């Protein structure tokens, strides 16, 4: 059975998030949480929060044990982009883009229900 959790509009660029999310794909859920706890990056904290939510969804909604769960897929999708301007030389404006991400984590218990 598959269980998922989704975090939308995370204020971090998808490129930075994908570097961290590659580490946990295919691992057991408790081991993935341990890996994320050791990574000193903001993206690791956001992904760990989503992973904890997926584990809680599996335990509370589907009566699954966290020890049997595997990270089937962890996907970072592009979110909206905030377009801002910052002052530049000689009174000009320099564009800035503030990117957002959507985090989707799917856990799987190995059964094909």
PDB file of N, CA and C in Angstrom:
ATOM      1  N   UNK A   1       0.838  -1.175   0.000  1.00  0.00           N
ATOM      2  CA  UNK A   1       0.000   0.000   0.000  1.00  0.00           C
ATOM      3  C   UNK A   1       0.886   1.242   0.000  1.00  0.00           C
ATOM      4  N   UNK A   2       0.492   2.207  -0.761  1.00  0.00           N
ATOM      5  CA  UNK A   2       1.249   3.453  -0.853  1.00  0.00           C
ATOM      6  C   UNK A   2       0.610   4.530   0.010  1.00  0.00           C
ATOM      7  N   UNK A   3       1.456   5.307   0.665  1.00  0.00           N
ATOM      8  CA  UNK A   3       1.026   6.436   1.477  1.00  0.00           C
ATOM      9  C   UNK A   3       1.891   7.618   1.081  1.00  0.00           C
ATOM     10  N   UNK A   4       1.297   8.797   0.998  1.00  0.00           N
ATOM     11  CA  UNK A   4       2.082   9.954   0.577  1.00  0.00           C
ATOM     12  C   UNK A   4       1.840  11.154   1.476  1.00  0.00           C
ATOM     13  N   UNK A   5       2.771  12.071   1.425  1.00  0.00           N
ATOM     14  CA  UNK A   5       2.643  13.368   2.088  1.00  0.00           C
ATOM     15  C   UNK A   5       3.143  14.423   1.113  1.00  0.00           C
ATOM     16  N   UNK A   6       2.536  15.600   1.191  1.00  0.00           N
ATOM     17  CA  UNK A   6       2.848  16.677   0.251  1.00  0.00           C
ATOM     18  C   UNK A   6       3.019  17.975   1.028  1.00  0.00           C
ATOM     19  N   UNK A   7       4.125  18.640   0.787  1.00  0.00           N
ATOM     20  CA  UNK A   7       4.349  19.981   1.320  1.00  0.00           C
ATOM     21  C   UNK A   7       4.404  20.919   0.128  1.00  0.00           C
ATOM     22  N   UNK A   8       3.554  21.928   0.148  1.00  0.00           N
ATOM     23  CA  UNK A   8       3.490  22.851  -0.979  1.00  0.00           C
ATOM     24  C   UNK A   8       4.053  24.210  -0.579  1.00  0.00           C
ATOM     25  N   UNK A   9       4.570  24.913  -1.556  1.00  0.00           N
ATOM     26  CA  UNK A   9       5.065  26.283  -1.409  1.00  0.00           C
ATOM     27  C   UNK A   9       6.207  26.395  -0.392  1.00  0.00           C
ATOM     28  N   UNK A  10       7.133  25.452  -0.416  1.00  0.00           N
ATOM     29  CA  UNK A  10       8.320  25.547   0.430  1.00  0.00           C
ATOM     30  C   UNK A  10       9.246  26.593  -0.185  1.00  0.00           C
ATOM     31  N   UNK A  11       9.697  27.545   0.610  1.00  0.00           N
ATOM     32  CA  UNK A  11      10.478  28.671   0.096  1.00  0.00           C
ATOM     33  C   UNK A  11      11.948  28.307  -0.063  1.00  0.00           C
ATOM     34  N   UNK A  12      12.213  27.441  -1.015  1.00  0.00           N
ATOM     35  CA  UNK A  12      13.574  27.070  -1.358  1.00  0.00           C
ATOM     36  C   UNK A  12      13.576  26.601  -2.805  1.00  0.00           C
ATOM     37  N   UNK A  13      14.667  26.831  -3.492  1.00  0.00           N
ATOM     38  CA  UNK A  13      14.698  26.480  -4.911  1.00  0.00           C
ATOM     39  C   UNK A  13      14.700  24.958  -5.084  1.00  0.00           C
ATOM     40  N   UNK A  14      14.026  24.472  -6.116  1.00  0.00           N
ATOM     41  CA  UNK A  14      13.967  23.028  -6.345  1.00  0.00           C
ATOM     42  C   UNK A  14      15.332  22.392  -6.560  1.00  0.00           C
ATOM     43  N   UNK A  15      16.259  23.125  -7.151  1.00  0.00           N
ATOM     44  CA  UNK A  15      17.590  22.578  -7.411  1.00  0.00           C
ATOM     45  C   UNK A  15      18.308  22.235  -6.106  1.00  0.00           C
ATOM     46  N   UNK A  16      18.196  23.096  -5.119  1.00  0.00           N
ATOM     47  CA  UNK A  16      18.827  22.844  -3.823  1.00  0.00           C
ATOM     48  C   UNK A  16      18.159  21.680  -3.098  1.00  0.00           C
ATOM     49  N   UNK A  17      16.845  21.553  -3.267  1.00  0.00           N
ATOM     50  CA  UNK A  17      16.113  20.476  -2.600  1.00  0.00           C
ATOM     51  C   UNK A  17      16.436  19.121  -3.221  1.00  0.00           C
ATOM     52  N   UNK A  18      16.583  19.077  -4.531  1.00  0.00           N
ATOM     53  CA  UNK A  18      16.814  17.801  -5.216  1.00  0.00           C
ATOM     54  C   UNK A  18      18.150  17.183  -4.837  1.00  0.00           C
ATOM     55  N   UNK A  19      19.143  18.012  -4.496  1.00  0.00           N
ATOM     56  CA  UNK A  19      20.437  17.480  -4.064  1.00  0.00           C
ATOM     57  C   UNK A  19      20.288  16.606  -2.831  1.00  0.00           C
ATOM     58  N   UNK A  20      19.401  16.998  -1.927  1.00  0.00           N
ATOM     59  CA  UNK A  20      19.220  16.266  -0.678  1.00  0.00           C
ATOM     60  C   UNK A  20      18.275  15.088  -0.858  1.00  0.00           C
ATOM     61  N   UNK A  21      17.243  15.264  -1.674  1.00  0.00           N
ATOM     62  CA  UNK A  21      16.213  14.229  -1.783  1.00  0.00           C
ATOM     63  C   UNK A  21      16.723  12.977  -2.495  1.00  0.00           C
ATOM     64  N   UNK A  22      17.776  13.100  -3.289  1.00  0.00           N
ATOM     65  CA  UNK A  22      18.344  11.929  -3.964  1.00  0.00           C
ATOM     66  C   UNK A  22      18.893  10.908  -2.967  1.00  0.00           C
ATOM     67  N   UNK A  23      19.294  11.382  -1.798  1.00  0.00           N
ATOM     68  CA  UNK A  23      19.925  10.508  -0.806  1.00  0.00           C
ATOM     69  C   UNK A  23      18.935   9.502  -0.225  1.00  0.00           C
ATOM     70  N   UNK A  24      17.674   9.889  -0.068  1.00  0.00           N
ATOM     71  CA  UNK A  24      16.733   9.041   0.667  1.00  0.00           C
ATOM     72  C   UNK A  24      15.917   8.105  -0.209  1.00  0.00           C
ATOM     73  N   UNK A  25      15.956   8.249  -1.514  1.00  0.00           N
ATOM     74  CA  UNK A  25      15.128   7.414  -2.373  1.00  0.00           C
ATOM     75  C   UNK A  25      15.551   5.954  -2.294  1.00  0.00           C
ATOM     76  N   UNK A  26      14.568   5.077  -2.061  1.00  0.00           N
ATOM     77  CA  UNK A  26      14.834   3.649  -1.984  1.00  0.00           C
ATOM     78  C   UNK A  26      15.252   3.146  -0.621  1.00  0.00           C
ATOM     79  N   UNK A  27      15.391   4.004   0.357  1.00  0.00           N
ATOM     80  CA  UNK A  27      15.812   3.591   1.694  1.00  0.00           C
ATOM     81  C   UNK A  27      14.601   3.305   2.578  1.00  0.00           C
ATOM     82  N   UNK A  28      14.831   2.571   3.652  1.00  0.00           N
ATOM     83  CA  UNK A  28      13.797   2.373   4.662  1.00  0.00           C
ATOM     84  C   UNK A  28      13.491   3.720   5.307  1.00  0.00           C
ATOM     85  N   UNK A  29      12.248   3.927   5.707  1.00  0.00           N
ATOM     86  CA  UNK A  29      11.827   5.228   6.226  1.00  0.00           C
ATOM     87  C   UNK A  29      12.591   5.656   7.482  1.00  0.00           C
ATOM     88  N   UNK A  30      12.799   4.772   8.493  1.00  0.00           N
ATOM     89  CA  UNK A  30      13.578   5.218   9.666  1.00  0.00           C
ATOM     90  C   UNK A  30      15.023   5.583   9.319  1.00  0.00           C
ATOM     91  N   UNK A  31      15.631   4.831   8.396  1.00  0.00           N
ATOM     92  CA  UNK A  31      17.005   5.130   7.985  1.00  0.00           C
ATOM     93  C   UNK A  31      17.065   6.453   7.227  1.00  0.00           C
ATOM     94  N   UNK A  32      16.056   6.719   6.405  1.00  0.00           N
ATOM     95  CA  UNK A  32      16.015   7.983   5.667  1.00  0.00           C
ATOM     96  C   UNK A  32      15.886   9.159   6.628  1.00  0.00           C
ATOM     97  N   UNK A  33      15.066   8.997   7.675  1.00  0.00           N
ATOM     98  CA  UNK A  33      14.930  10.062   8.677  1.00  0.00           C
ATOM     99  C   UNK A  33      16.248  10.299   9.406  1.00  0.00           C
ATOM    100  N   UNK A  34      16.995   9.227   9.670  1.00  0.00           N
ATOM    101  CA  UNK A  34      18.299   9.367  10.327  1.00  0.00           C
ATOM    102  C   UNK A  34      19.293  10.096   9.426  1.00  0.00           C
ATOM    103  N   UNK A  35      19.298   9.767   8.146  1.00  0.00           N
ATOM    104  CA  UNK A  35      20.183  10.466   7.201  1.00  0.00           C
ATOM    105  C   UNK A  35      19.872  11.961   7.164  1.00  0.00           C
ATOM    106  N   UNK A  36      18.590  12.282   7.097  1.00  0.00           N
ATOM    107  CA  UNK A  36      18.203  13.695   7.001  1.00  0.00           C
ATOM    108  C   UNK A  36      18.544  14.464   8.270  1.00  0.00           C
ATOM    109  N   UNK A  37      18.519  13.796   9.413  1.00  0.00           N
ATOM    110  CA  UNK A  37      18.857  14.466  10.668  1.00  0.00           C
ATOM    111  C   UNK A  37      20.330  14.867  10.718  1.00  0.00           C
ATOM    112  N   UNK A  38      21.165  14.177   9.958  1.00  0.00           N
ATOM    113  CA  UNK A  38      22.602  14.453   9.978  1.00  0.00           C
ATOM    114  C   UNK A  38      23.047  15.490   8.950  1.00  0.00           C
ATOM    115  N   UNK A  39      22.161  15.879   8.049  1.00  0.00           N
ATOM    116  CA  UNK A  39      22.531  16.820   6.988  1.00  0.00           C
ATOM    117  C   UNK A  39      22.239  18.243   7.459  1.00  0.00           C
ATOM    118  N   UNK A  40      23.245  19.114   7.531  1.00  0.00           N
ATOM    119  CA  UNK A  40      23.041  20.466   8.082  1.00  0.00           C
ATOM    120  C   UNK A  40      22.574  21.480   7.039  1.00  0.00           C
ATOM    121  N   UNK A  41      21.431  21.222   6.428  1.00  0.00           N
ATOM    122  CA  UNK A  41      20.907  22.133   5.412  1.00  0.00           C
ATOM    123  C   UNK A  41      19.428  22.389   5.680  1.00  0.00           C
ATOM    124  N   UNK A  42      18.967  23.546   5.272  1.00  0.00           N
ATOM    125  CA  UNK A  42      17.553  23.886   5.436  1.00  0.00           C
ATOM    126  C   UNK A  42      16.672  22.923   4.647  1.00  0.00           C
ATOM    127  N   UNK A  43      17.119  22.537   3.466  1.00  0.00           N
ATOM    128  CA  UNK A  43      16.319  21.633   2.647  1.00  0.00           C
ATOM    129  C   UNK A  43      16.137  20.288   3.335  1.00  0.00           C
ATOM    130  N   UNK A  44      17.136  19.823   4.069  1.00  0.00           N
ATOM    131  CA  UNK A  44      17.015  18.553   4.785  1.00  0.00           C
ATOM    132  C   UNK A  44      15.956  18.647   5.877  1.00  0.00           C
ATOM    133  N   UNK A  45      15.865  19.787   6.536  1.00  0.00           N
ATOM    134  CA  UNK A  45      14.835  19.962   7.578  1.00  0.00           C
ATOM    135  C   UNK A  45      13.438  19.951   6.970  1.00  0.00           C
ATOM    136  N   UNK A  46      13.255  20.609   5.826  1.00  0.00           N
ATOM    137  CA  UNK A  46      11.952  20.633   5.180  1.00  0.00           C
ATOM    138  C   UNK A  46      11.542  19.249   4.672  1.00  0.00           C
ATOM    139  N   UNK A  47      12.489  18.516   4.114  1.00  0.00           N
ATOM    140  CA  UNK A  47      12.202  17.175   3.612  1.00  0.00           C
ATOM    141  C   UNK A  47      11.929  16.226   4.772  1.00  0.00           C
ATOM    142  N   UNK A  48      12.672  16.367   5.872  1.00  0.00           N
ATOM    143  CA  UNK A  48      12.449  15.522   7.041  1.00  0.00           C
ATOM    144  C   UNK A  48      11.059  15.750   7.624  1.00  0.00           C
ATOM    145  N   UNK A  49      10.613  16.976   7.620  1.00  0.00           N
ATOM    146  CA  UNK A  49       9.275  17.284   8.116  1.00  0.00           C
ATOM    147  C   UNK A  49       8.213  16.595   7.258  1.00  0.00           C
ATOM    148  N   UNK A  50       8.381  16.606   5.955  1.00  0.00           N
ATOM    149  CA  UNK A  50       7.445  15.937   5.059  1.00  0.00           C
ATOM    150  C   UNK A  50       7.510  14.425   5.234  1.00  0.00           C
ATOM    151  N   UNK A  51       8.709  13.877   5.444  1.00  0.00           N
ATOM    152  CA  UNK A  51       8.867  12.442   5.666  1.00  0.00           C
ATOM    153  C   UNK A  51       8.172  12.015   6.954  1.00  0.00           C
ATOM    154  N   UNK A  52       8.330  12.814   8.026  1.00  0.00           N
ATOM    155  CA  UNK A  52       7.638  12.502   9.288  1.00  0.00           C
ATOM    156  C   UNK A  52       6.125  12.527   9.100  1.00  0.00           C
ATOM    157  N   UNK A  53       5.643  13.448   8.279  1.00  0.00           N
ATOM    158  CA  UNK A  53       4.212  13.521   7.995  1.00  0.00           C
ATOM    159  C   UNK A  53       3.736  12.281   7.250  1.00  0.00           C
ATOM    160  N   UNK A  54       4.519  11.802   6.291  1.00  0.00           N
ATOM    161  CA  UNK A  54       4.149  10.598   5.541  1.00  0.00           C
ATOM    162  C   UNK A  54       4.129   9.371   6.458  1.00  0.00           C
ATOM    163  N   UNK A  55       5.099   9.287   7.365  1.00  0.00           N
ATOM    164  CA  UNK A  55       5.134   8.170   8.312  1.00  0.00           C
ATOM    165  C   UNK A  55       3.919   8.229   9.237  1.00  0.00           C
ATOM    166  N   UNK A  56       3.579   9.412   9.702  1.00  0.00           N
ATOM    167  CA  UNK A  56       2.410   9.572  10.563  1.00  0.00           C
ATOM    168  C   UNK A  56       1.126   9.227   9.817  1.00  0.00           C
ATOM    169  N   UNK A  57       1.034   9.595   8.549  1.00  0.00           N
ATOM    170  CA  UNK A  57      -0.132   9.233   7.746  1.00  0.00           C
ATOM    171  C   UNK A  57      -0.273   7.714   7.651  1.00  0.00           C
ATOM    172  N   UNK A  58       0.848   7.031   7.458  1.00  0.00           N
ATOM    173  CA  UNK A  58       0.812   5.572   7.338  1.00  0.00           C
ATOM    174  C   UNK A  58       0.394   4.921   8.652  1.00  0.00           C
ATOM    175  N   UNK A  59       0.913   5.418   9.769  1.00  0.00           N
ATOM    176  CA  UNK A  59       0.601   4.814  11.068  1.00  0.00           C
ATOM    177  C   UNK A  59      -0.831   5.097  11.491  1.00  0.00           C
ATOM    178  N   UNK A  60      -1.282   6.329  11.315  1.00  0.00           N
ATOM    179  CA  UNK A  60      -2.596   6.710  11.836  1.00  0.00           C
ATOM    180  C   UNK A  60      -3.748   6.366  10.910  1.00  0.00           C
ATOM    181  N   UNK A  61      -3.552   6.505   9.607  1.00  0.00           N
ATOM    182  CA  UNK A  61      -4.653   6.299   8.669  1.00  0.00           C
ATOM    183  C   UNK A  61      -4.747   4.872   8.148  1.00  0.00           C
ATOM    184  N   UNK A  62      -3.607   4.177   8.041  1.00  0.00           N
ATOM    185  CA  UNK A  62      -3.604   2.847   7.423  1.00  0.00           C
ATOM    186  C   UNK A  62      -3.091   1.749   8.343  1.00  0.00           C
ATOM    187  N   UNK A  63      -2.797   2.051   9.602  1.00  0.00           N
ATOM    188  CA  UNK A  63      -2.329   1.073  10.594  1.00  0.00           C
ATOM    189  C   UNK A  63      -1.090   0.309  10.123  1.00  0.00           C
ATOM    190  N   UNK A  64      -0.147   1.010   9.526  1.00  0.00           N
ATOM    191  CA  UNK A  64       1.105   0.404   9.085  1.00  0.00           C
ATOM    192  C   UNK A  64       2.205   0.732  10.075  1.00  0.00           C
ATOM    193  N   UNK A  65       3.187  -0.140  10.164  1.00  0.00           N
ATOM    194  CA  UNK A  65       4.332   0.095  11.033  1.00  0.00           C
ATOM    195  C   UNK A  65       5.394   0.889  10.278  1.00  0.00           C
ATOM    196  N   UNK A  66       6.031   1.814  10.963  1.00  0.00           N
ATOM    197  CA  UNK A  66       7.052   2.650  10.317  1.00  0.00           C
ATOM    198  C   UNK A  66       8.269   1.827   9.901  1.00  0.00           C
ATOM    199  N   UNK A  67       8.529   0.706  10.598  1.00  0.00           N
ATOM    200  CA  UNK A  67       9.706  -0.099  10.292  1.00  0.00           C
ATOM    201  C   UNK A  67       9.589  -0.838   8.964  1.00  0.00           C
ATOM    202  N   UNK A  68       8.359  -1.048   8.488  1.00  0.00           N
ATOM    203  CA  UNK A  68       8.171  -1.790   7.239  1.00  0.00           C
ATOM    204  C   UNK A  68       8.120  -0.888   6.019  1.00  0.00           C
ATOM    205  N   UNK A  69       8.133   0.424   6.215  1.00  0.00           N
ATOM    206  CA  UNK A  69       7.955   1.361   5.112  1.00  0.00           C
ATOM    207  C   UNK A  69       9.270   1.670   4.397  1.00  0.00           C
ATOM    208  N   UNK A  70       9.175   1.829   3.097  1.00  0.00           N
ATOM    209  CA  UNK A  70      10.306   2.203   2.248  1.00  0.00           C
ATOM    210  C   UNK A  70       9.926   3.446   1.463  1.00  0.00           C
ATOM    211  N   UNK A  71      10.895   4.318   1.242  1.00  0.00           N
ATOM    212  CA  UNK A  71      10.651   5.514   0.442  1.00  0.00           C
ATOM    213  C   UNK A  71      10.614   5.086  -1.019  1.00  0.00           C
ATOM    214  N   UNK A  72       9.420   5.026  -1.580  1.00  0.00           N
ATOM    215  CA  UNK A  72       9.272   4.606  -2.977  1.00  0.00           C
ATOM    216  C   UNK A  72       9.706   5.718  -3.912  1.00  0.00           C
ATOM    217  N   UNK A  73       9.252   6.939  -3.644  1.00  0.00           N
ATOM    218  CA  UNK A  73       9.688   8.069  -4.455  1.00  0.00           C
ATOM    219  C   UNK A  73       9.661   9.330  -3.613  1.00  0.00           C
ATOM    220  N   UNK A  74      10.597  10.179  -3.875  1.00  0.00           N
ATOM    221  CA  UNK A  74      10.659  11.503  -3.255  1.00  0.00           C
ATOM    222  C   UNK A  74      10.910  12.483  -4.398  1.00  0.00           C
ATOM    223  N   UNK A  75       9.924  13.317  -4.662  1.00  0.00           N
ATOM    224  CA  UNK A  75       9.963  14.176  -5.839  1.00  0.00           C
ATOM    225  C   UNK A  75       9.855  15.630  -5.409  1.00  0.00           C
ATOM    226  N   UNK A  76      10.678  16.466  -6.006  1.00  0.00           N
ATOM    227  CA  UNK A  76      10.606  17.906  -5.795  1.00  0.00           C
ATOM    228  C   UNK A  76      10.080  18.519  -7.084  1.00  0.00           C
ATOM    229  N   UNK A  77       8.928  19.150  -6.987  1.00  0.00           N
ATOM    230  CA  UNK A  77       8.312  19.777  -8.150  1.00  0.00           C
ATOM    231  C   UNK A  77       8.493  21.285  -8.073  1.00  0.00           C
ATOM    232  N   UNK A  78       8.506  21.925  -9.217  1.00  0.00           N
ATOM    233  CA  UNK A  78       8.636  23.382  -9.252  1.00  0.00           C
ATOM    234  C   UNK A  78       7.353  24.032  -8.768  1.00  0.00           C
ATOM    235  N   UNK A  79       7.513  25.035  -7.922  1.00  0.00           N
ATOM    236  CA  UNK A  79       6.384  25.827  -7.474  1.00  0.00           C
ATOM    237  C   UNK A  79       6.399  27.173  -8.176  1.00  0.00           C
ATOM    238  N   UNK A  80       5.571  28.099  -7.722  1.00  0.00           N
ATOM    239  CA  UNK A  80       5.570  29.423  -8.333  1.00  0.00           C
ATOM    240  C   UNK A  80       6.840  30.200  -8.013  1.00  0.00           C
ATOM    241  N   UNK A  81       7.097  31.223  -8.798  1.00  0.00           N
ATOM    242  CA  UNK A  81       8.291  32.051  -8.631  1.00  0.00           C
ATOM    243  C   UNK A  81       7.855  33.471  -8.300  1.00  0.00           C
ATOM    244  N   UNK A  82       8.413  34.018  -7.222  1.00  0.00           N
ATOM    245  CA  UNK A  82       8.166  35.418  -6.883  1.00  0.00           C
ATOM    246  C   UNK A  82       9.194  36.263  -7.622  1.00  0.00           C
ATOM    247  N   UNK A  83       8.741  37.262  -8.326  1.00  0.00           N
ATOM    248  CA  UNK A  83       9.655  38.126  -9.078  1.00  0.00           C
ATOM    249  C   UNK A  83       9.787  39.442  -8.341  1.00  0.00           C
ATOM    250  N   UNK A  84      11.005  39.751  -7.943  1.00  0.00           N
ATOM    251  CA  UNK A  84      11.297  40.954  -7.171  1.00  0.00           C
ATOM    252  C   UNK A  84      12.421  41.729  -7.854  1.00  0.00           C
ATOM    253  N   UNK A  85      12.619  42.964  -7.419  1.00  0.00           N
ATOM    254  CA  UNK A  85      13.702  43.789  -7.951  1.00  0.00           C
ATOM    255  C   UNK A  85      14.526  44.346  -6.813  1.00  0.00           C
ATOM    256  N   UNK A  86      15.827  44.484  -7.062  1.00  0.00           N
ATOM    257  CA  UNK A  86      16.755  45.040  -6.094  1.00  0.00           C
ATOM    258  C   UNK A  86      17.477  46.203  -6.766  1.00  0.00           C
ATOM    259  N   UNK A  87      17.803  47.201  -5.983  1.00  0.00           N
ATOM    260  CA  UNK A  87      18.471  48.382  -6.533  1.00  0.00           C
ATOM    261  C   UNK A  87      19.834  48.018  -7.096  1.00  0.00           C
ATOM    262  N   UNK A  88      20.129  48.568  -8.275  1.00  0.00           N
ATOM    263  CA  UNK A  88      21.409  48.333  -8.918  1.00  0.00           C
ATOM    264  C   UNK A  88      22.169  49.639  -9.075  1.00  0.00           C
ATOM    265  N   UNK A  89      23.216  49.603  -9.834  1.00  0.00           N
ATOM    266  CA  UNK A  89      24.056  50.774 -10.039  1.00  0.00           C
ATOM    267  C   UNK A  89      23.324  51.849 -10.853  1.00  0.00           C
ATOM    268  N   UNK A  90      23.591  53.098 -10.537  1.00  0.00           N
ATOM    269  CA  UNK A  90      23.065  54.261 -11.261  1.00  0.00           C
ATOM    270  C   UNK A  90      21.531  54.284 -11.321  1.00  0.00           C
ATOM    271  N   UNK A  91      20.911  53.830 -10.250  1.00  0.00           N
ATOM    272  CA  UNK A  91      19.460  53.908 -10.171  1.00  0.00           C
ATOM    273  C   UNK A  91      18.718  52.854 -10.958  1.00  0.00           C
ATOM    274  N   UNK A  92      19.418  51.846 -11.438  1.00  0.00           N
ATOM    275  CA  UNK A  92      18.736  50.798 -12.203  1.00  0.00           C
ATOM    276  C   UNK A  92      18.191  49.733 -11.259  1.00  0.00           C
ATOM    277  N   UNK A  93      17.367  48.853 -11.794  1.00  0.00           N
ATOM    278  CA  UNK A  93      16.783  47.771 -11.005  1.00  0.00           C
ATOM    279  C   UNK A  93      17.288  46.433 -11.536  1.00  0.00           C
ATOM    280  N   UNK A  94      17.687  45.568 -10.633  1.00  0.00           N
ATOM    281  CA  UNK A  94      18.170  44.241 -10.993  1.00  0.00           C
ATOM    282  C   UNK A  94      17.108  43.210 -10.599  1.00  0.00           C
ATOM    283  N   UNK A  95      16.697  42.343 -11.501  1.00  0.00           N
ATOM    284  CA  UNK A  95      15.657  41.357 -11.171  1.00  0.00           C
ATOM    285  C   UNK A  95      16.182  40.258 -10.256  1.00  0.00           C
ATOM    286  N   UNK A  96      15.316  39.785  -9.356  1.00  0.00           N
ATOM    287  CA  UNK A  96      15.597  38.658  -8.468  1.00  0.00           C
ATOM    288  C   UNK A  96      14.419  37.702  -8.582  1.00  0.00           C
ATOM    289  N   UNK A  97      14.696  36.423  -8.616  1.00  0.00           N
ATOM    290  CA  UNK A  97      13.622  35.438  -8.598  1.00  0.00           C
ATOM    291  C   UNK A  97      13.739  34.632  -7.319  1.00  0.00           C
ATOM    292  N   UNK A  98      12.633  34.528  -6.606  1.00  0.00           N
ATOM    293  CA  UNK A  98      12.580  33.751  -5.374  1.00  0.00           C
ATOM    294  C   UNK A  98      11.713  32.536  -5.650  1.00  0.00           C
ATOM    295  N   UNK A  99      12.375  31.381  -5.737  1.00  0.00           N
ATOM    296  CA  UNK A  99      11.698  30.178  -6.194  1.00  0.00           C
ATOM    297  C   UNK A  99      11.087  29.400  -5.038  1.00  0.00           C
ATOM    298  N   UNK A 100      10.038  28.636  -5.367  1.00  0.00           N
ATOM    299  CA  UNK A 100       9.370  27.783  -4.392  1.00  0.00           C
ATOM    300  C   UNK A 100       9.325  26.354  -4.925  1.00  0.00           C
ATOM    301  N   UNK A 101       9.101  25.409  -4.001  1.00  0.00           N
ATOM    302  CA  UNK A 101       9.084  23.995  -4.346  1.00  0.00           C
ATOM    303  C   UNK A 101       7.873  23.317  -3.730  1.00  0.00           C
ATOM    304  N   UNK A 102       7.477  22.213  -4.339  1.00  0.00           N
ATOM    305  CA  UNK A 102       6.493  21.315  -3.761  1.00  0.00           C
ATOM    306  C   UNK A 102       7.208  19.986  -3.508  1.00  0.00           C
ATOM    307  N   UNK A 103       7.091  19.464  -2.285  1.00  0.00           N
ATOM    308  CA  UNK A 103       7.758  18.220  -1.898  1.00  0.00           C
ATOM    309  C   UNK A 103       6.711  17.117  -1.834  1.00  0.00           C
ATOM    310  N   UNK A 104       6.932  16.022  -2.556  1.00  0.00           N
ATOM    311  CA  UNK A 104       6.024  14.872  -2.511  1.00  0.00           C
ATOM    312  C   UNK A 104       6.833  13.631  -2.153  1.00  0.00           C
ATOM    313  N   UNK A 105       6.470  12.980  -1.046  1.00  0.00           N
ATOM    314  CA  UNK A 105       7.140  11.763  -0.610  1.00  0.00           C
ATOM    315  C   UNK A 105       6.110  10.642  -0.582  1.00  0.00           C
ATOM    316  N   UNK A 106       6.417   9.541  -1.270  1.00  0.00           N
ATOM    317  CA  UNK A 106       5.544   8.369  -1.313  1.00  0.00           C
ATOM    318  C   UNK A 106       6.262   7.219  -0.612  1.00  0.00           C
ATOM    319  N   UNK A 107       5.583   6.648   0.395  1.00  0.00           N
ATOM    320  CA  UNK A 107       6.110   5.487   1.123  1.00  0.00           C
ATOM    321  C   UNK A 107       5.352   4.237   0.678  1.00  0.00           C
ATOM    322  N   UNK A 108       6.031   3.117   0.737  1.00  0.00           N
ATOM    323  CA  UNK A 108       5.467   1.858   0.278  1.00  0.00           C
ATOM    324  C   UNK A 108       5.817   0.778   1.276  1.00  0.00           C
ATOM    325  N   UNK A 109       4.851  -0.101   1.583  1.00  0.00           N
ATOM    326  CA  UNK A 109       5.105  -1.152   2.577  1.00  0.00           C
ATOM    327  C   UNK A 109       5.458  -2.491   1.945  1.00  0.00           C
ATOM    328  N   UNK A 110       5.494  -2.589   0.640  1.00  0.00           N
ATOM    329  CA  UNK A 110       5.880  -3.822  -0.039  1.00  0.00           C
ATOM    330  C   UNK A 110       4.712  -4.673  -0.478  1.00  0.00           C
ATOM    331  N   UNK A 111       3.502  -4.378  -0.010  1.00  0.00           N
ATOM    332  CA  UNK A 111       2.332  -5.137  -0.423  1.00  0.00           C
ATOM    333  C   UNK A 111       1.696  -4.482  -1.635  1.00  0.00           C
ATOM    334  N   UNK A 112       1.141  -5.285  -2.517  1.00  0.00           N
ATOM    335  CA  UNK A 112       0.520  -4.766  -3.744  1.00  0.00           C
ATOM    336  C   UNK A 112      -0.978  -4.631  -3.584  1.00  0.00           C
ATOM    337  N   UNK A 113      -1.436  -4.092  -2.465  1.00  0.00           N
ATOM    338  CA  UNK A 113      -2.890  -3.934  -2.225  1.00  0.00           C
ATOM    339  C   UNK A 113      -3.449  -2.847  -3.072  1.00  0.00           C
TER     340      UNK A 113
END
